[in-house]
Amino acid sequence: MPETREPQPPPGREPLRPDALERALVRPGGLWRAVEVYPELASTNTELAARARRGGGDATVVVTDHQTSGRGRRDRGFETPARAALTFSVLVRPGVPPTRLGWLPLLMGVAAVDAVREAAGCAAGVKWPNDVLATGGRDGTQRKLAGILSEAVTSEEGIAVVVGMGLNVTQTRDELPTPSATSLVVENASLREREPLLRAVLDGFAAGYTAWVSAGGDAAASGLAQRYRERCDTVGRRVRVELPNGRVVTGPATGVDADGHLLVRTPSGEEALSAGDVVHVRPDAEGAE
């Protein structure tokens, strides 16, 4: 009989190594208590949210090589090719005032931008509230590298927050879902391996989280607010914001307030928006960048 060989993954799409990630990320005195790697999961956020409802999973990272039913904002679904994206979620119980929990997905955005810039050598910024954009296009076009989704879960143990991210790494242009999406490969990034990217993101998140919790969730006192504003590519642009209730707000984005809300100047005055889908409007067109 002919020899049967296991199919080999495409270059750059090797499986994640659970033992290596555990050794690198679970350290004495560090934030992370467990890093779990699965060959396939429907949704890392769904997995950790279920644990949070049962009162477990604090400081746990769940990452999968293939997420088959990922969830985005407004319950939009998405799927990526196996081992082509970095798809993971974290579960934390910060014990800060509930009004300050909205900073957690923004913190993940800061950590992701720093990892993409420093580890992968790719120009990036955050589109409020928590999309990571590649910003180095020659034509000024910005394309989405990553999306972040958070959800709060209440149990007898208190309030837990699950923060998940999907970062496009080795997808080709043909494998991306829309023309407005991109990947590190498409952006010619210097790093295209998922393990060092995951370590960089989680180390950055852990450092920022520790400072933020020590400050009682005060984003200004911990430095998080300033770091986010410096990386937020939405501030200073004209935007169109589609709110959850269907209303649309347009105008210049003037800043991000102490609660992480986007400030938009409108004809009736400045509005602070806590949620919404943002479009960066070109000066000469109503198109997304």
C-alpha atoms as a PDB file:
ATOM      1  CA  MET A   1       0.000   0.000   0.000  1.00  0.00           C
ATOM      2  CA  PRO A   2       1.237   3.540  -0.691  1.00  0.00           C
ATOM      3  CA  GLU A   3       2.493   5.461   2.319  1.00  0.00           C
ATOM      4  CA  THR A   4      -0.090   7.802   3.810  1.00  0.00           C
ATOM      5  CA  ARG A   5       1.140  11.181   4.968  1.00  0.00           C
ATOM      6  CA  GLU A   6      -0.584  13.757   7.087  1.00  0.00           C
ATOM      7  CA  PRO A   7      -1.400  16.907   5.108  1.00  0.00           C
ATOM      8  CA  GLN A   8       1.086  19.661   5.855  1.00  0.00           C
ATOM      9  CA  PRO A   9      -0.147  23.128   6.822  1.00  0.00           C
ATOM     10  CA  PRO A  10       0.709  26.008   4.491  1.00  0.00           C
ATOM     11  CA  PRO A  11       3.896  27.914   5.391  1.00  0.00           C
ATOM     12  CA  GLY A  12       3.280  30.079   8.446  1.00  0.00           C
ATOM     13  CA  ARG A  13       0.216  28.054   9.479  1.00  0.00           C
ATOM     14  CA  GLU A  14       1.747  25.639  11.922  1.00  0.00           C
ATOM     15  CA  PRO A  15      -0.361  24.613  14.946  1.00  0.00           C
ATOM     16  CA  LEU A  16       0.135  26.521  18.157  1.00  0.00           C
ATOM     17  CA  ARG A  17       2.212  24.753  20.815  1.00  0.00           C
ATOM     18  CA  PRO A  18       0.337  24.578  24.119  1.00  0.00           C
ATOM     19  CA  ASP A  19       3.347  23.712  26.284  1.00  0.00           C
ATOM     20  CA  ALA A  20       5.468  26.527  24.864  1.00  0.00           C
ATOM     21  CA  LEU A  21       2.718  29.094  25.399  1.00  0.00           C
ATOM     22  CA  GLU A  22       2.052  27.879  28.939  1.00  0.00           C
ATOM     23  CA  ARG A  23       5.754  28.189  29.822  1.00  0.00           C
ATOM     24  CA  ALA A  24       6.009  31.654  28.280  1.00  0.00           C
ATOM     25  CA  LEU A  25       2.850  33.173  29.745  1.00  0.00           C
ATOM     26  CA  VAL A  26       2.058  31.470  33.064  1.00  0.00           C
ATOM     27  CA  ARG A  27       4.741  32.841  35.367  1.00  0.00           C
ATOM     28  CA  PRO A  28       5.054  33.302  39.139  1.00  0.00           C
ATOM     29  CA  GLY A  29       3.608  36.679  40.051  1.00  0.00           C
ATOM     30  CA  GLY A  30       2.109  37.126  36.593  1.00  0.00           C
ATOM     31  CA  LEU A  31      -1.514  37.670  35.629  1.00  0.00           C
ATOM     32  CA  TRP A  32      -2.254  34.508  33.660  1.00  0.00           C
ATOM     33  CA  ARG A  33      -3.133  31.320  35.517  1.00  0.00           C
ATOM     34  CA  ALA A  34      -3.818  29.097  32.516  1.00  0.00           C
ATOM     35  CA  VAL A  35      -3.415  29.141  28.736  1.00  0.00           C
ATOM     36  CA  GLU A  36      -5.514  26.547  26.926  1.00  0.00           C
ATOM     37  CA  VAL A  37      -5.051  25.779  23.230  1.00  0.00           C
ATOM     38  CA  TYR A  38      -7.702  23.951  21.200  1.00  0.00           C
ATOM     39  CA  PRO A  39      -7.400  22.690  17.619  1.00  0.00           C
ATOM     40  CA  GLU A  40     -10.947  23.901  16.933  1.00  0.00           C
ATOM     41  CA  LEU A  41     -13.663  25.797  18.792  1.00  0.00           C
ATOM     42  CA  ALA A  42     -16.889  27.419  17.738  1.00  0.00           C
ATOM     43  CA  SER A  43     -16.110  30.609  19.700  1.00  0.00           C
ATOM     44  CA  THR A  44     -13.486  31.339  22.335  1.00  0.00           C
ATOM     45  CA  ASN A  45     -15.723  34.046  23.816  1.00  0.00           C
ATOM     46  CA  THR A  46     -18.631  31.614  24.141  1.00  0.00           C
ATOM     47  CA  GLU A  47     -16.376  29.058  25.833  1.00  0.00           C
ATOM     48  CA  LEU A  48     -15.112  31.469  28.466  1.00  0.00           C
ATOM     49  CA  ALA A  49     -18.466  33.174  29.019  1.00  0.00           C
ATOM     50  CA  ALA A  50     -19.948  29.784  29.926  1.00  0.00           C
ATOM     51  CA  ARG A  51     -17.188  29.250  32.482  1.00  0.00           C
ATOM     52  CA  ALA A  52     -17.699  32.732  33.882  1.00  0.00           C
ATOM     53  CA  ARG A  53     -21.387  31.975  34.497  1.00  0.00           C
ATOM     54  CA  ARG A  54     -20.293  28.955  36.525  1.00  0.00           C
ATOM     55  CA  GLY A  55     -17.924  31.140  38.556  1.00  0.00           C
ATOM     56  CA  GLY A  56     -14.641  29.794  37.173  1.00  0.00           C
ATOM     57  CA  GLY A  57     -11.905  30.599  34.713  1.00  0.00           C
ATOM     58  CA  ASP A  58     -10.371  33.731  36.240  1.00  0.00           C
ATOM     59  CA  ALA A  59      -7.197  34.903  34.460  1.00  0.00           C
ATOM     60  CA  THR A  60      -7.577  32.176  31.831  1.00  0.00           C
ATOM     61  CA  VAL A  61      -6.660  32.459  28.143  1.00  0.00           C
ATOM     62  CA  VAL A  62      -8.407  30.263  25.589  1.00  0.00           C
ATOM     63  CA  VAL A  63      -6.951  30.218  22.085  1.00  0.00           C
ATOM     64  CA  THR A  64      -7.898  28.082  19.113  1.00  0.00           C
ATOM     65  CA  ASP A  65      -6.220  27.205  15.831  1.00  0.00           C
ATOM     66  CA  HIS A  66      -9.585  27.277  14.060  1.00  0.00           C
ATOM     67  CA  GLN A  67     -12.586  29.292  15.221  1.00  0.00           C
ATOM     68  CA  THR A  68     -15.616  28.153  13.266  1.00  0.00           C
ATOM     69  CA  SER A  69     -18.380  30.408  14.600  1.00  0.00           C
ATOM     70  CA  GLY A  70     -16.717  33.567  15.788  1.00  0.00           C
ATOM     71  CA  ARG A  71     -18.887  36.424  17.026  1.00  0.00           C
ATOM     72  CA  GLY A  72     -18.373  40.087  16.257  1.00  0.00           C
ATOM     73  CA  ARG A  73     -20.225  43.243  17.165  1.00  0.00           C
ATOM     74  CA  ARG A  74     -24.029  43.036  16.942  1.00  0.00           C
ATOM     75  CA  ASP A  75     -23.682  39.215  16.804  1.00  0.00           C
ATOM     76  CA  ARG A  76     -22.159  39.248  13.338  1.00  0.00           C
ATOM     77  CA  GLY A  77     -20.610  35.870  12.584  1.00  0.00           C
ATOM     78  CA  PHE A  78     -17.271  35.156  10.950  1.00  0.00           C
ATOM     79  CA  GLU A  79     -14.958  32.249  10.223  1.00  0.00           C
ATOM     80  CA  THR A  80     -11.298  32.206   9.252  1.00  0.00           C
ATOM     81  CA  PRO A  81      -9.157  29.522   7.579  1.00  0.00           C
ATOM     82  CA  ALA A  82      -7.561  27.117  10.042  1.00  0.00           C
ATOM     83  CA  ARG A  83      -4.344  28.427  11.626  1.00  0.00           C
ATOM     84  CA  ALA A  84      -4.450  31.632   9.543  1.00  0.00           C
ATOM     85  CA  ALA A  85      -5.594  33.998  12.317  1.00  0.00           C
ATOM     86  CA  LEU A  86      -4.881  34.575  15.974  1.00  0.00           C
ATOM     87  CA  THR A  87      -8.219  33.887  17.682  1.00  0.00           C
ATOM     88  CA  PHE A  88      -8.353  33.970  21.464  1.00  0.00           C
ATOM     89  CA  SER A  89     -10.228  35.264  24.518  1.00  0.00           C
ATOM     90  CA  VAL A  90      -9.297  36.139  28.085  1.00  0.00           C
ATOM     91  CA  LEU A  91     -11.402  36.061  31.246  1.00  0.00           C
ATOM     92  CA  VAL A  92     -10.703  38.483  34.092  1.00  0.00           C
ATOM     93  CA  ARG A  93     -12.448  39.628  37.273  1.00  0.00           C
ATOM     94  CA  PRO A  94     -10.953  43.040  37.975  1.00  0.00           C
ATOM     95  CA  GLY A  95     -13.129  44.027  40.956  1.00  0.00           C
ATOM     96  CA  VAL A  96     -13.339  47.679  39.885  1.00  0.00           C
ATOM     97  CA  PRO A  97     -16.515  49.815  39.665  1.00  0.00           C
ATOM     98  CA  PRO A  98     -18.762  48.458  36.882  1.00  0.00           C
ATOM     99  CA  THR A  99     -18.809  51.840  35.122  1.00  0.00           C
ATOM    100  CA  ARG A 100     -15.105  51.428  34.400  1.00  0.00           C
ATOM    101  CA  LEU A 101     -15.268  47.973  32.797  1.00  0.00           C
ATOM    102  CA  GLY A 102     -15.682  49.492  29.345  1.00  0.00           C
ATOM    103  CA  TRP A 103     -11.967  50.223  29.334  1.00  0.00           C
ATOM    104  CA  LEU A 104     -11.052  46.530  29.070  1.00  0.00           C
ATOM    105  CA  PRO A 105     -11.650  46.094  25.305  1.00  0.00           C
ATOM    106  CA  LEU A 106      -9.877  49.426  24.768  1.00  0.00           C
ATOM    107  CA  LEU A 107      -6.928  48.078  26.757  1.00  0.00           C
ATOM    108  CA  MET A 108      -6.853  45.013  24.499  1.00  0.00           C
ATOM    109  CA  GLY A 109      -6.796  47.350  21.506  1.00  0.00           C
ATOM    110  CA  VAL A 110      -3.789  49.181  22.906  1.00  0.00           C
ATOM    111  CA  ALA A 111      -1.975  45.888  23.539  1.00  0.00           C
ATOM    112  CA  ALA A 112      -2.764  44.662  20.020  1.00  0.00           C
ATOM    113  CA  VAL A 113      -1.595  47.868  18.338  1.00  0.00           C
ATOM    114  CA  ASP A 114       1.661  47.822  20.295  1.00  0.00           C
ATOM    115  CA  ALA A 115       2.280  44.171  19.391  1.00  0.00           C
ATOM    116  CA  VAL A 116       1.556  44.746  15.714  1.00  0.00           C
ATOM    117  CA  ARG A 117       3.787  47.812  15.612  1.00  0.00           C
ATOM    118  CA  GLU A 118       6.684  46.531  17.689  1.00  0.00           C
ATOM    119  CA  ALA A 119       6.727  42.784  17.023  1.00  0.00           C
ATOM    120  CA  ALA A 120       5.457  42.760  13.429  1.00  0.00           C
ATOM    121  CA  GLY A 121       6.741  46.120  12.207  1.00  0.00           C
ATOM    122  CA  CYS A 122       3.324  47.084  10.810  1.00  0.00           C
ATOM    123  CA  ALA A 123       1.852  50.588  11.105  1.00  0.00           C
ATOM    124  CA  ALA A 124      -1.395  50.301  13.053  1.00  0.00           C
ATOM    125  CA  GLY A 125      -3.921  52.230  15.086  1.00  0.00           C
ATOM    126  CA  VAL A 126      -7.250  51.754  16.834  1.00  0.00           C
ATOM    127  CA  LYS A 127     -10.581  52.725  15.340  1.00  0.00           C
ATOM    128  CA  TRP A 128     -12.862  53.507  18.270  1.00  0.00           C
ATOM    129  CA  PRO A 129     -13.960  51.539  20.105  1.00  0.00           C
ATOM    130  CA  ASN A 130     -11.825  48.510  19.369  1.00  0.00           C
ATOM    131  CA  ASP A 131     -10.976  47.660  15.773  1.00  0.00           C
ATOM    132  CA  VAL A 132      -7.281  47.451  14.942  1.00  0.00           C
ATOM    133  CA  LEU A 133      -6.462  49.038  11.594  1.00  0.00           C
ATOM    134  CA  ALA A 134      -3.422  48.770   9.370  1.00  0.00           C
ATOM    135  CA  THR A 135      -2.602  52.405   8.665  1.00  0.00           C
ATOM    136  CA  GLY A 136       0.430  52.190   6.393  1.00  0.00           C
ATOM    137  CA  GLY A 137      -1.299  52.011   3.008  1.00  0.00           C
ATOM    138  CA  ARG A 138       0.320  54.186   0.349  1.00  0.00           C
ATOM    139  CA  ASP A 139      -3.048  55.516  -0.782  1.00  0.00           C
ATOM    140  CA  GLY A 140      -4.053  56.450   2.764  1.00  0.00           C
ATOM    141  CA  THR A 141      -6.529  53.578   2.936  1.00  0.00           C
ATOM    142  CA  GLN A 142      -6.992  51.918   6.312  1.00  0.00           C
ATOM    143  CA  ARG A 143      -7.996  48.277   6.497  1.00  0.00           C
ATOM    144  CA  LYS A 144      -9.116  46.150   9.407  1.00  0.00           C
ATOM    145  CA  LEU A 145      -6.534  43.809  10.892  1.00  0.00           C
ATOM    146  CA  ALA A 146      -8.406  42.750  14.013  1.00  0.00           C
ATOM    147  CA  GLY A 147     -11.701  43.015  15.824  1.00  0.00           C
ATOM    148  CA  ILE A 148     -12.255  42.897  19.572  1.00  0.00           C
ATOM    149  CA  LEU A 149     -15.410  41.839  21.376  1.00  0.00           C
ATOM    150  CA  SER A 150     -16.056  42.006  25.119  1.00  0.00           C
ATOM    151  CA  GLU A 151     -18.941  40.887  27.301  1.00  0.00           C
ATOM    152  CA  ALA A 152     -19.626  41.143  31.010  1.00  0.00           C
ATOM    153  CA  VAL A 153     -20.946  38.074  32.828  1.00  0.00           C
ATOM    154  CA  THR A 154     -22.465  38.154  36.307  1.00  0.00           C
ATOM    155  CA  SER A 155     -22.251  35.160  38.640  1.00  0.00           C
ATOM    156  CA  GLU A 156     -22.042  34.510  42.381  1.00  0.00           C
ATOM    157  CA  GLU A 157     -18.333  35.325  42.089  1.00  0.00           C
ATOM    158  CA  GLY A 158     -19.115  38.846  40.894  1.00  0.00           C
ATOM    159  CA  ILE A 159     -18.692  40.435  37.484  1.00  0.00           C
ATOM    160  CA  ALA A 160     -16.326  38.807  35.022  1.00  0.00           C
ATOM    161  CA  VAL A 161     -15.343  40.236  31.664  1.00  0.00           C
ATOM    162  CA  VAL A 162     -14.467  38.163  28.628  1.00  0.00           C
ATOM    163  CA  VAL A 163     -12.438  39.959  25.965  1.00  0.00           C
ATOM    164  CA  GLY A 164     -11.844  38.208  22.654  1.00  0.00           C
ATOM    165  CA  MET A 165      -9.849  39.126  19.583  1.00  0.00           C
ATOM    166  CA  GLY A 166      -9.442  37.847  16.048  1.00  0.00           C
ATOM    167  CA  LEU A 167      -6.252  39.096  14.368  1.00  0.00           C
ATOM    168  CA  ASN A 168      -5.684  38.304  10.700  1.00  0.00           C
ATOM    169  CA  VAL A 169      -2.164  36.944  10.236  1.00  0.00           C
ATOM    170  CA  THR A 170      -1.533  34.827   7.117  1.00  0.00           C
ATOM    171  CA  GLN A 171      -4.739  35.175   5.121  1.00  0.00           C
ATOM    172  CA  THR A 172      -4.194  35.991   1.478  1.00  0.00           C
ATOM    173  CA  ARG A 173      -6.247  38.760  -0.073  1.00  0.00           C
ATOM    174  CA  ASP A 174      -8.574  36.140  -1.606  1.00  0.00           C
ATOM    175  CA  GLU A 175      -9.201  34.623   1.836  1.00  0.00           C
ATOM    176  CA  LEU A 176     -10.279  37.880   3.470  1.00  0.00           C
ATOM    177  CA  PRO A 177     -14.031  38.442   3.867  1.00  0.00           C
ATOM    178  CA  THR A 178     -14.247  41.995   2.523  1.00  0.00           C
ATOM    179  CA  PRO A 179     -12.055  44.507   0.635  1.00  0.00           C
ATOM    180  CA  SER A 180     -11.873  46.550   3.838  1.00  0.00           C
ATOM    181  CA  ALA A 181     -10.076  43.714   5.678  1.00  0.00           C
ATOM    182  CA  THR A 182      -6.383  42.933   5.594  1.00  0.00           C
ATOM    183  CA  SER A 183      -3.803  40.649   7.229  1.00  0.00           C
ATOM    184  CA  LEU A 184      -0.203  40.885   8.327  1.00  0.00           C
ATOM    185  CA  VAL A 185       0.842  38.941   5.228  1.00  0.00           C
ATOM    186  CA  VAL A 186      -1.005  41.332   2.922  1.00  0.00           C
ATOM    187  CA  GLU A 187       0.613  44.263   4.762  1.00  0.00           C
ATOM    188  CA  ASN A 188       4.096  42.700   4.300  1.00  0.00           C
ATOM    189  CA  ALA A 189       4.665  42.598   8.051  1.00  0.00           C
ATOM    190  CA  SER A 190       8.047  41.408   9.284  1.00  0.00           C
ATOM    191  CA  LEU A 191       6.504  38.855  11.684  1.00  0.00           C
ATOM    192  CA  ARG A 192       3.849  36.364  10.598  1.00  0.00           C
ATOM    193  CA  GLU A 193       3.981  33.723  13.337  1.00  0.00           C
ATOM    194  CA  ARG A 194       1.077  33.585  15.744  1.00  0.00           C
ATOM    195  CA  GLU A 195       2.866  32.448  18.912  1.00  0.00           C
ATOM    196  CA  PRO A 196       5.157  35.469  19.351  1.00  0.00           C
ATOM    197  CA  LEU A 197       2.255  37.758  18.458  1.00  0.00           C
ATOM    198  CA  LEU A 198       0.053  36.154  21.102  1.00  0.00           C
ATOM    199  CA  ARG A 199       2.794  36.474  23.709  1.00  0.00           C
ATOM    200  CA  ALA A 200       3.315  40.135  22.848  1.00  0.00           C
ATOM    201  CA  VAL A 201      -0.407  40.961  23.019  1.00  0.00           C
ATOM    202  CA  LEU A 202      -0.981  39.104  26.299  1.00  0.00           C
ATOM    203  CA  ASP A 203       2.144  40.513  27.960  1.00  0.00           C
ATOM    204  CA  GLY A 204       1.057  44.014  26.960  1.00  0.00           C
ATOM    205  CA  PHE A 205      -2.488  43.442  28.182  1.00  0.00           C
ATOM    206  CA  ALA A 206      -1.256  42.006  31.503  1.00  0.00           C
ATOM    207  CA  ALA A 207       1.013  44.983  32.199  1.00  0.00           C
ATOM    208  CA  GLY A 208      -1.708  47.513  31.395  1.00  0.00           C
ATOM    209  CA  TYR A 209      -4.345  45.552  33.299  1.00  0.00           C
ATOM    210  CA  THR A 210      -2.229  45.339  36.442  1.00  0.00           C
ATOM    211  CA  ALA A 211      -1.673  49.097  36.453  1.00  0.00           C
ATOM    212  CA  TRP A 212      -5.351  49.799  35.714  1.00  0.00           C
ATOM    213  CA  VAL A 213      -6.621  47.513  38.504  1.00  0.00           C
ATOM    214  CA  SER A 214      -4.097  48.989  40.946  1.00  0.00           C
ATOM    215  CA  ALA A 215      -5.610  52.401  40.145  1.00  0.00           C
ATOM    216  CA  GLY A 216      -9.117  51.103  40.883  1.00  0.00           C
ATOM    217  CA  GLY A 217     -10.035  51.080  37.202  1.00  0.00           C
ATOM    218  CA  ASP A 218      -9.142  54.758  36.789  1.00  0.00           C
ATOM    219  CA  ALA A 219      -7.908  54.935  33.202  1.00  0.00           C
ATOM    220  CA  ALA A 220      -6.418  58.404  33.623  1.00  0.00           C
ATOM    221  CA  ALA A 221      -4.479  57.593  36.791  1.00  0.00           C
ATOM    222  CA  SER A 222      -3.123  54.333  35.343  1.00  0.00           C
ATOM    223  CA  GLY A 223      -2.024  55.961  32.080  1.00  0.00           C
ATOM    224  CA  LEU A 224      -4.390  53.834  29.987  1.00  0.00           C
ATOM    225  CA  ALA A 225      -6.514  56.760  28.823  1.00  0.00           C
ATOM    226  CA  GLN A 226      -3.518  58.635  27.441  1.00  0.00           C
ATOM    227  CA  ARG A 227      -2.085  55.524  25.797  1.00  0.00           C
ATOM    228  CA  TYR A 228      -5.412  54.827  24.113  1.00  0.00           C
ATOM    229  CA  ARG A 229      -5.827  58.391  22.859  1.00  0.00           C
ATOM    230  CA  GLU A 230      -2.315  58.327  21.389  1.00  0.00           C
ATOM    231  CA  ARG A 231      -3.154  55.177  19.409  1.00  0.00           C
ATOM    232  CA  CYS A 232      -6.728  56.070  18.470  1.00  0.00           C
ATOM    233  CA  ASP A 233      -6.871  56.979  14.799  1.00  0.00           C
ATOM    234  CA  THR A 234     -10.511  58.071  15.092  1.00  0.00           C
ATOM    235  CA  VAL A 235      -9.816  61.225  17.088  1.00  0.00           C
ATOM    236  CA  GLY A 236      -9.422  64.211  14.804  1.00  0.00           C
ATOM    237  CA  ARG A 237     -11.361  62.641  11.932  1.00  0.00           C
ATOM    238  CA  ARG A 238     -14.820  63.291  10.623  1.00  0.00           C
ATOM    239  CA  VAL A 239     -16.914  60.240  11.475  1.00  0.00           C
ATOM    240  CA  ARG A 240     -20.290  58.702  10.890  1.00  0.00           C
ATOM    241  CA  VAL A 241     -21.463  56.652  13.869  1.00  0.00           C
ATOM    242  CA  GLU A 242     -24.358  54.207  13.571  1.00  0.00           C
ATOM    243  CA  LEU A 243     -25.816  53.841  17.062  1.00  0.00           C
ATOM    244  CA  PRO A 244     -27.497  50.651  18.362  1.00  0.00           C
ATOM    245  CA  ASN A 245     -30.909  52.386  18.335  1.00  0.00           C
ATOM    246  CA  GLY A 246     -30.589  53.133  14.620  1.00  0.00           C
ATOM    247  CA  ARG A 247     -29.722  56.812  14.987  1.00  0.00           C
ATOM    248  CA  VAL A 248     -26.740  58.122  13.004  1.00  0.00           C
ATOM    249  CA  VAL A 249     -24.390  60.762  14.382  1.00  0.00           C
ATOM    250  CA  THR A 250     -21.946  62.606  12.128  1.00  0.00           C
ATOM    251  CA  GLY A 251     -19.270  65.162  12.848  1.00  0.00           C
ATOM    252  CA  PRO A 252     -15.641  65.535  13.911  1.00  0.00           C
ATOM    253  CA  ALA A 253     -14.440  63.131  16.612  1.00  0.00           C
ATOM    254  CA  THR A 254     -12.895  65.454  19.184  1.00  0.00           C
ATOM    255  CA  GLY A 255     -11.652  63.023  21.810  1.00  0.00           C
ATOM    256  CA  VAL A 256     -12.256  60.118  24.182  1.00  0.00           C
ATOM    257  CA  ASP A 257     -13.590  60.959  27.649  1.00  0.00           C
ATOM    258  CA  ALA A 258     -12.730  59.520  31.062  1.00  0.00           C
ATOM    259  CA  ASP A 259     -15.201  56.648  30.594  1.00  0.00           C
ATOM    260  CA  GLY A 260     -13.821  55.675  27.172  1.00  0.00           C
ATOM    261  CA  HIS A 261     -16.736  57.260  25.305  1.00  0.00           C
ATOM    262  CA  LEU A 262     -16.138  58.839  21.910  1.00  0.00           C
ATOM    263  CA  LEU A 263     -16.782  62.580  21.797  1.00  0.00           C
ATOM    264  CA  VAL A 264     -18.346  63.827  18.552  1.00  0.00           C
ATOM    265  CA  ARG A 265     -19.134  67.456  17.805  1.00  0.00           C
ATOM    266  CA  THR A 266     -22.575  67.803  16.241  1.00  0.00           C
ATOM    267  CA  PRO A 267     -24.695  70.836  15.291  1.00  0.00           C
ATOM    268  CA  SER A 268     -26.561  70.440  18.604  1.00  0.00           C
ATOM    269  CA  GLY A 269     -23.399  70.166  20.711  1.00  0.00           C
ATOM    270  CA  GLU A 270     -20.808  67.599  21.713  1.00  0.00           C
ATOM    271  CA  GLU A 271     -22.108  64.068  22.267  1.00  0.00           C
ATOM    272  CA  ALA A 272     -20.438  61.296  24.261  1.00  0.00           C
ATOM    273  CA  LEU A 273     -21.096  57.937  22.597  1.00  0.00           C
ATOM    274  CA  SER A 274     -20.708  54.697  24.540  1.00  0.00           C
ATOM    275  CA  ALA A 275     -21.266  52.329  21.597  1.00  0.00           C
ATOM    276  CA  GLY A 276     -21.701  52.383  17.858  1.00  0.00           C
ATOM    277  CA  ASP A 277     -20.269  51.376  14.492  1.00  0.00           C
ATOM    278  CA  VAL A 278     -17.837  54.054  13.322  1.00  0.00           C
ATOM    279  CA  VAL A 279     -16.988  54.972   9.749  1.00  0.00           C
ATOM    280  CA  HIS A 280     -14.004  57.219   9.123  1.00  0.00           C
ATOM    281  CA  VAL A 281     -15.229  59.664   6.481  1.00  0.00           C
ATOM    282  CA  ARG A 282     -12.854  60.976   3.862  1.00  0.00           C
ATOM    283  CA  PRO A 283     -12.845  64.730   3.446  1.00  0.00           C
ATOM    284  CA  ASP A 284     -14.012  64.323  -0.160  1.00  0.00           C
ATOM    285  CA  ALA A 285     -16.374  61.351   0.154  1.00  0.00           C
ATOM    286  CA  GLU A 286     -18.683  59.415   2.457  1.00  0.00           C
ATOM    287  CA  GLY A 287     -16.629  56.232   2.159  1.00  0.00           C
ATOM    288  CA  ALA A 288     -14.947  54.228   4.870  1.00  0.00           C
ATOM    289  CA  GLU A 289     -11.204  54.341   5.002  1.00  0.00           C
END
